[in-house]
Protein backbone atom coordinates (compact mmCIF):
# COMPACT_ATOMS: atom_id res chain seq x y z
CA MET A 1 10.11 -22.76 17.93
CA LEU A 2 9.13 -20.78 14.87
CA HIS A 3 5.67 -19.20 14.83
CA ILE A 4 4.33 -18.16 11.41
CA THR A 5 1.19 -16.04 11.20
CA ASN A 6 -0.65 -13.76 8.81
CA GLY A 7 0.40 -10.21 9.62
CA ASP A 8 1.92 -7.74 12.03
CA SER A 9 -1.02 -7.51 14.45
CA ALA A 10 -1.17 -11.23 15.22
CA ALA A 11 2.63 -11.45 15.22
CA GLU A 12 2.90 -8.72 17.85
CA THR A 13 0.32 -10.44 20.04
CA LEU A 14 2.23 -13.71 19.75
CA LYS A 15 5.41 -11.95 20.85
CA GLN A 16 3.61 -10.67 23.95
CA SER A 17 2.01 -14.04 24.75
CA GLY A 18 5.00 -15.49 26.55
CA LEU A 19 5.40 -18.34 24.09
CA GLN A 20 9.01 -19.05 23.31
CA GLY A 21 10.44 -18.81 19.84
CA ILE A 22 10.71 -16.55 16.80
CA THR A 23 7.61 -14.99 15.25
CA LEU A 24 7.29 -14.48 11.50
CA ALA A 25 4.51 -12.49 9.79
CA TRP A 26 3.76 -13.60 6.21
CA ARG A 27 2.40 -10.20 5.12
CA ASP A 28 1.28 -10.76 1.53
CA ILE A 29 -2.12 -9.83 0.09
CA LEU A 30 -2.30 -12.88 -2.17
CA HIS A 31 -5.92 -12.29 -3.15
CA GLU A 32 -4.72 -9.24 -5.09
CA GLY A 33 -2.44 -9.42 -8.12
CA PRO A 34 -0.55 -12.19 -9.90
CA THR A 35 0.49 -15.59 -8.52
CA PRO A 36 1.32 -17.47 -11.74
CA ALA A 37 2.09 -21.18 -11.77
CA GLY A 38 5.61 -22.59 -11.68
CA PHE A 39 7.31 -19.86 -9.61
CA SER A 40 9.67 -20.68 -6.77
CA LEU A 41 9.15 -18.79 -3.49
CA GLU A 42 12.04 -16.47 -4.35
CA GLN A 43 10.61 -15.74 -7.80
CA MET A 44 7.12 -15.25 -6.40
CA SER A 45 8.41 -12.87 -3.74
CA GLU A 46 10.10 -10.74 -6.41
CA LEU A 47 6.93 -10.68 -8.51
CA ARG A 48 4.75 -9.91 -5.51
CA ALA A 49 7.03 -7.08 -4.42
CA ARG A 50 6.80 -5.46 -7.83
CA PHE A 51 3.02 -5.82 -7.85
CA ILE A 52 2.65 -4.28 -4.38
CA VAL A 53 4.84 -1.36 -5.45
CA SER A 54 2.79 -0.92 -8.64
CA GLN A 55 -0.30 -0.41 -6.46
CA GLY A 56 1.37 2.36 -4.48
CA TRP A 57 1.36 0.29 -1.28
CA GLY A 58 5.07 0.61 -0.56
CA THR A 59 8.51 1.30 -1.99
CA TYR A 60 10.42 -1.42 -3.82
CA ASP A 61 13.43 -1.35 -1.50
CA ASP A 62 11.26 -1.70 1.61
CA ILE A 63 8.92 -4.36 0.24
CA ARG A 64 11.64 -6.46 -1.37
CA ALA A 65 13.77 -6.29 1.77
CA ALA A 66 10.81 -7.41 3.88
CA PHE A 67 10.14 -10.40 1.61
CA HIS A 68 13.83 -11.30 1.57
CA LYS A 69 14.00 -11.23 5.37
CA ARG A 70 10.79 -13.26 5.65
CA ASP A 71 11.99 -15.94 3.24
CA ALA A 72 15.40 -16.10 4.92
CA ILE A 73 13.81 -16.73 8.32
CA LEU A 74 11.56 -19.39 6.79
CA ALA A 75 14.61 -21.15 5.36
CA THR A 76 15.97 -21.64 8.91
CA PHE A 77 12.97 -23.76 9.91
CA HIS A 78 15.15 -26.88 10.23
CA THR A 79 16.96 -25.28 13.18
CA HIS A 80 13.71 -25.36 15.18
CA GLU A 81 12.16 -28.35 16.89
CA GLU A 82 8.69 -27.18 15.89
CA VAL A 83 7.09 -24.78 13.43
CA ILE A 84 3.57 -23.62 14.31
CA LEU A 85 1.32 -22.03 11.69
CA TRP A 86 -1.24 -19.61 13.16
CA PHE A 87 -4.04 -18.70 10.76
CA GLU A 88 -7.74 -18.03 10.51
CA HIS A 89 -10.59 -18.86 8.15
CA ASP A 90 -10.82 -15.99 5.67
CA LEU A 91 -9.50 -15.79 2.11
CA TYR A 92 -6.48 -13.65 3.05
CA ASP A 93 -5.26 -16.25 5.54
CA GLN A 94 -6.20 -19.38 3.64
CA LEU A 95 -4.15 -18.30 0.62
CA GLN A 96 -1.12 -17.63 2.82
CA LEU A 97 -1.59 -20.99 4.51
CA ILE A 98 -1.68 -23.01 1.29
CA GLN A 99 1.34 -21.16 -0.09
CA ILE A 100 3.28 -22.09 3.04
CA LEU A 101 2.05 -25.70 2.96
CA ASP A 102 3.11 -25.93 -0.67
CA TRP A 103 6.59 -24.71 0.25
CA PHE A 104 6.92 -27.17 3.14
CA SER A 105 5.74 -30.01 0.89
CA GLN A 106 8.95 -29.51 -1.09
CA GLN A 107 11.27 -29.50 1.95
CA ASN A 108 12.96 -32.28 3.84
CA GLN A 109 12.04 -31.77 7.50
CA PRO A 110 12.48 -35.12 9.30
CA GLN A 111 13.56 -33.51 12.59
CA THR A 112 11.10 -30.60 12.63
CA LYS A 113 7.50 -30.97 13.74
CA LEU A 114 4.93 -28.94 11.81
CA SER A 115 1.76 -27.87 13.61
CA LEU A 116 -1.32 -25.85 12.72
CA ILE A 117 -3.69 -23.60 14.64
CA CYS A 118 -6.52 -22.39 12.40
CA ILE A 119 -9.76 -21.00 13.84
CA ASN A 120 -12.95 -19.23 12.79
CA ALA A 121 -14.26 -18.43 16.28
CA PHE A 122 -13.10 -17.79 19.83
CA PRO A 123 -15.13 -18.18 23.06
CA GLY A 124 -16.55 -14.88 24.28
CA ILE A 125 -15.87 -12.95 21.07
CA ASN A 126 -18.91 -12.12 18.99
CA ASN A 127 -18.41 -11.57 15.27
CA PHE A 128 -14.94 -13.09 15.33
CA SER A 129 -12.96 -11.81 12.36
CA GLY A 130 -9.40 -12.82 13.12
CA LEU A 131 -6.44 -13.45 15.38
CA GLY A 132 -5.85 -9.71 15.62
CA GLN A 133 -8.84 -9.49 17.99
CA LEU A 134 -7.17 -11.69 20.59
CA ASN A 135 -5.12 -10.49 23.53
CA PRO A 136 -1.84 -12.23 24.45
CA GLU A 137 -3.50 -14.49 27.04
CA GLN A 138 -6.20 -15.57 24.58
CA MET A 139 -3.60 -16.23 21.92
CA ARG A 140 -1.55 -18.35 24.31
CA SER A 141 -4.63 -20.42 25.17
CA LEU A 142 -4.75 -21.66 21.57
CA PHE A 143 -1.29 -23.19 21.76
CA PRO A 144 -2.34 -26.54 23.31
CA MET A 145 -4.98 -26.89 20.57
CA ARG A 146 -2.43 -27.12 17.77
CA ARG A 147 -2.51 -30.26 15.67
CA ALA A 148 0.37 -31.97 13.93
CA LEU A 149 0.43 -31.58 10.16
CA THR A 150 0.79 -34.76 8.15
CA ARG A 151 2.27 -35.45 4.74
CA ASP A 152 -1.32 -35.64 3.46
CA ASP A 153 -1.98 -32.13 4.80
CA LEU A 154 1.07 -30.83 2.95
CA GLU A 155 0.03 -32.53 -0.27
CA ARG A 156 -3.48 -31.09 0.00
CA GLY A 157 -2.03 -27.65 0.59
CA LYS A 158 0.24 -28.10 -2.40
CA ALA A 159 -2.68 -29.14 -4.61
CA ALA A 160 -4.70 -26.15 -3.41
CA TRP A 161 -1.87 -23.69 -4.11
CA GLN A 162 -1.29 -25.18 -7.55
CA ALA A 163 -5.01 -24.84 -8.29
CA TYR A 164 -4.98 -21.20 -7.18
CA CYS A 165 -1.95 -20.46 -9.36
CA SER A 166 -3.30 -22.31 -12.39
CA PRO A 167 -4.21 -20.26 -15.48
CA ASP A 168 -7.35 -22.40 -15.65
CA PRO A 169 -9.72 -21.49 -12.78
CA THR A 170 -11.69 -24.71 -13.18
CA ALA A 171 -8.80 -26.29 -11.26
CA ILE A 172 -10.23 -24.53 -8.20
CA THR A 173 -13.79 -25.67 -8.80
CA THR A 174 -12.56 -29.23 -9.24
CA LEU A 175 -10.55 -29.10 -6.02
CA VAL A 176 -13.36 -27.73 -3.83
CA GLN A 177 -15.59 -30.58 -4.93
CA GLN A 178 -13.10 -32.96 -3.35
CA ASN A 179 -12.64 -33.71 0.35
CA THR A 180 -11.00 -30.69 1.98
CA SER A 181 -11.90 -31.65 5.56
CA THR A 182 -8.29 -31.41 6.73
CA LEU A 183 -8.37 -27.75 5.62
CA PRO A 184 -11.96 -27.04 6.67
CA PHE A 185 -12.10 -23.37 5.71
CA LEU A 186 -10.58 -23.69 2.26
CA GLN A 187 -13.78 -24.47 0.39
CA ALA A 188 -15.57 -21.30 1.53
CA ALA A 189 -12.44 -19.21 0.93
CA PHE A 190 -12.08 -20.49 -2.63
CA ARG A 191 -15.78 -19.88 -3.26
CA ARG A 192 -15.25 -16.28 -2.16
CA HIS A 193 -12.27 -16.01 -4.51
CA LEU A 194 -14.39 -17.15 -7.45
CA GLU A 195 -16.88 -14.38 -6.66
CA GLN A 196 -14.11 -11.89 -7.44
CA PHE A 197 -14.37 -12.86 -11.10
CA PRO A 198 -16.51 -10.39 -13.09
CA HIS A 199 -20.23 -11.01 -12.75
CA SER A 200 -21.96 -12.38 -15.82
CA ILE A 201 -24.40 -9.44 -15.95
CA ASP A 202 -22.73 -6.29 -14.60
CA GLY A 203 -19.03 -7.17 -14.95
CA LEU A 204 -18.33 -6.33 -11.31
CA ALA A 205 -16.32 -8.34 -8.82
CA ARG A 206 -18.26 -8.94 -5.62
CA SER A 207 -16.02 -6.48 -3.74
CA GLU A 208 -16.62 -3.81 -6.38
CA ARG A 209 -20.38 -4.31 -6.16
CA GLN A 210 -20.33 -4.13 -2.38
CA ILE A 211 -18.41 -0.86 -2.51
CA LEU A 212 -20.95 0.65 -4.91
CA GLU A 213 -23.77 -0.63 -2.71
CA ALA A 214 -22.14 0.91 0.36
CA ILE A 215 -21.92 4.30 -1.34
CA ALA A 216 -25.51 4.04 -2.61
CA GLU A 217 -26.58 3.38 1.00
CA GLY A 218 -25.08 6.70 2.11
CA ASN A 219 -21.58 5.71 3.20
CA THR A 220 -19.48 8.41 1.58
CA THR A 221 -16.12 8.81 3.32
CA PRO A 222 -13.29 6.32 2.66
CA SER A 223 -13.55 4.95 6.20
CA GLU A 224 -17.33 4.58 5.99
CA VAL A 225 -17.06 2.78 2.66
CA PHE A 226 -14.46 0.39 4.08
CA GLN A 227 -16.47 -0.42 7.20
CA ALA A 228 -19.70 -0.92 5.23
CA GLN A 229 -17.93 -3.18 2.74
CA GLN A 230 -16.62 -5.28 5.63
CA THR A 231 -20.10 -5.83 7.03
CA LYS A 232 -21.22 -7.30 3.70
CA GLU A 233 -18.68 -10.13 3.98
CA GLU A 234 -19.35 -13.42 5.72
CA SER A 235 -15.61 -13.57 6.50
CA PRO A 236 -13.97 -10.15 6.00
CA PHE A 237 -10.59 -10.47 4.34
CA MET A 238 -9.82 -7.22 2.53
CA GLY A 239 -7.99 -4.46 4.40
CA ASP A 240 -8.60 -0.75 4.07
CA THR A 241 -5.84 -0.03 1.55
CA PRO A 242 -6.90 -2.73 -0.97
CA THR A 243 -10.51 -1.61 -0.50
CA TRP A 244 -9.58 1.97 -1.34
CA SER A 245 -7.51 0.79 -4.30
CA CYS A 246 -10.55 -1.10 -5.56
CA THR A 247 -12.63 2.03 -5.05
CA ALA A 248 -10.12 4.17 -6.94
CA GLY A 249 -10.16 1.65 -9.78
CA MET A 250 -13.82 2.46 -10.36
CA SER A 251 -13.10 6.19 -10.46
CA THR A 252 -11.11 6.15 -13.69
CA ASP A 253 -11.81 7.28 -17.22
CA PRO A 254 -13.37 6.77 -19.68
CA THR A 255 -16.53 6.08 -17.68
CA PRO A 256 -16.07 6.27 -13.90
CA LEU A 257 -18.65 4.58 -11.70
CA LEU A 258 -17.95 6.88 -8.79
CA GLN A 259 -16.40 10.26 -8.11
CA LEU A 260 -15.93 12.81 -5.38
CA ALA A 261 -18.86 15.01 -4.48
CA ASP A 262 -16.95 17.99 -5.89
CA ASP A 263 -16.69 16.16 -9.26
CA GLY A 264 -13.06 15.11 -8.82
CA LEU A 265 -11.76 11.56 -9.22
CA PHE A 266 -11.15 9.48 -6.10
CA THR A 267 -7.46 8.56 -5.96
CA LEU A 268 -5.10 7.12 -3.38
CA PRO A 269 -2.74 9.63 -1.72
CA ALA A 270 0.75 9.63 -3.19
CA THR A 271 2.19 9.30 0.32
CA LEU A 272 0.27 6.10 1.17
CA ALA A 273 3.42 4.03 0.67
CA THR A 274 5.25 5.84 3.45
CA GLN A 275 2.64 7.18 5.88
CA PRO A 276 -1.01 6.69 6.91
CA PRO A 277 -3.69 8.64 5.03
CA ASP A 278 -4.22 12.16 6.32
CA ALA A 279 -7.44 13.91 7.30
CA SER A 280 -7.95 15.47 3.87
CA PHE A 281 -8.11 11.99 2.32
CA LEU A 282 -10.33 10.52 5.02
CA GLN A 283 -12.79 13.43 4.86
CA GLN A 284 -13.48 13.11 1.13
CA LYS A 285 -17.07 12.47 0.07
CA ILE A 286 -17.58 9.76 -2.58
CA VAL A 287 -20.75 9.52 -4.68
CA LEU A 288 -21.97 7.33 -7.52
CA THR A 289 -22.03 8.62 -11.06
CA GLU A 290 -24.96 7.97 -13.37
CA ALA A 291 -22.91 5.15 -14.90
CA GLY A 292 -22.33 3.72 -11.43
CA ARG A 293 -26.04 3.66 -10.69
CA THR A 294 -26.75 2.06 -14.06
CA VAL A 295 -24.16 -0.70 -13.55
CA LEU A 296 -25.33 -1.32 -9.98
CA GLN A 297 -28.85 -1.83 -11.31
CA GLY A 298 -27.54 -4.46 -13.73
CA LYS A 299 -28.39 -2.35 -16.78
CA ALA A 300 -24.81 -1.95 -18.04
CA ASP A 301 -21.55 -3.92 -18.03
CA TRP A 302 -18.59 -2.33 -16.24
CA ILE A 303 -16.01 -4.08 -18.41
CA LYS A 304 -17.62 -2.81 -21.60
CA LEU A 305 -17.92 0.71 -20.19
CA HIS A 306 -14.29 0.51 -19.07
CA ARG A 307 -13.26 -0.71 -22.53
CA GLY A 308 -11.79 -3.96 -21.34
CA ILE A 309 -10.08 -5.59 -18.39
CA ASP A 310 -6.52 -6.29 -17.25
CA ARG A 311 -6.63 -8.08 -13.91
CA TRP A 312 -4.94 -11.05 -12.26
CA LEU A 313 -6.94 -13.36 -10.02
CA GLY A 314 -4.41 -15.85 -8.71
CA GLY A 315 -2.91 -17.51 -11.77
CA VAL A 316 -5.65 -16.31 -14.12
CA HIS A 317 -4.90 -13.21 -16.18
CA LEU A 318 -8.12 -11.63 -17.39
CA GLN A 319 -7.33 -9.25 -20.24
CA GLY A 320 -8.80 -7.82 -23.40
CA SER A 321 -12.19 -6.44 -24.37
CA ASN A 322 -13.99 -9.06 -22.29
CA ALA A 323 -13.19 -11.37 -19.37
CA GLN A 324 -12.41 -14.93 -20.40
CA TRP A 325 -14.26 -16.15 -17.31
CA ARG A 326 -17.25 -14.72 -15.47
CA TRP A 327 -19.05 -15.63 -12.29
CA ASP A 328 -22.67 -16.67 -12.81
CA LYS A 329 -24.35 -16.07 -9.47
CA GLN A 330 -27.54 -17.84 -10.47
CA GLN A 331 -25.69 -21.02 -11.41
CA GLU A 332 -23.05 -20.41 -8.72
CA LYS A 333 -20.19 -21.28 -11.02
CA LEU A 334 -17.64 -19.81 -13.41
CA VAL A 335 -18.70 -19.67 -17.02
CA ALA A 336 -16.24 -19.46 -19.92
CA GLN A 337 -16.91 -16.60 -22.32
CA HIS A 338 -16.78 -16.79 -26.09
CA LEU A 339 -14.35 -14.02 -27.03
């Protein structure tokens, strides 16, 4: 058997569960950076590796080698009697799941059974946030609950991945209005993705706004900001490193929204790619600037203060002096901008 799951924590628990087979962690933060349409898995892995390196989250040799090994193991799926996908409900996992379903939709697997385990709760665990909370025995108990994936499931996953990678984000809004019952958590995950588009009033992604709110509420250290940002999510999906990268992105010239209490700019440690953050980073105190307070109050637009935007959200590349698409919270939909 081949077990495919989201990341290292769940993969390690699966290895300790006593279930037979090989375990493969997908390990890609697909809600951050480019996933343009028309790329093969090999091409996407190369692009994703370069993006991850550009964020300071790893070295090219290490990241590219990890993707190459992952994709090589995936390509051996036909040597297994069964492939089981282990995922959860949040945006991080749902994007990985539909990328994998898209890939399998293009393969010929007549002798290999495909199965799915995808949960948003577990008995006895309050505030369930993911498979990483489970111990090996709990993980093993999910195995009999797996369901066989059908050709229709693969086609729905393919359609969802193509919508996510489309340069036109209305492909997502169209898809979530359709029946997604076979992928029951996809609709909420895609809705959360759309909230990452700049807000129609303040220009902030939801994650950016939540970080500013967390700091305004008195959470000042990097760890406090991360934990407070997590509590503002219905289904937490963003890890500490992407959260701190998002935070650092609002501490840049010409008009930073936040800074360190000693007036310095908040930046990621140069060693983050090779080792965990040290005490000096974790003990920093982050505060809002006057501009940050003004934007958080909805009295200024972050994109205009920042003199433009250059950001990928799936297959959509927002760039220029204004965002081509913005999220209108009142209407709960994306609105095209007249540039």
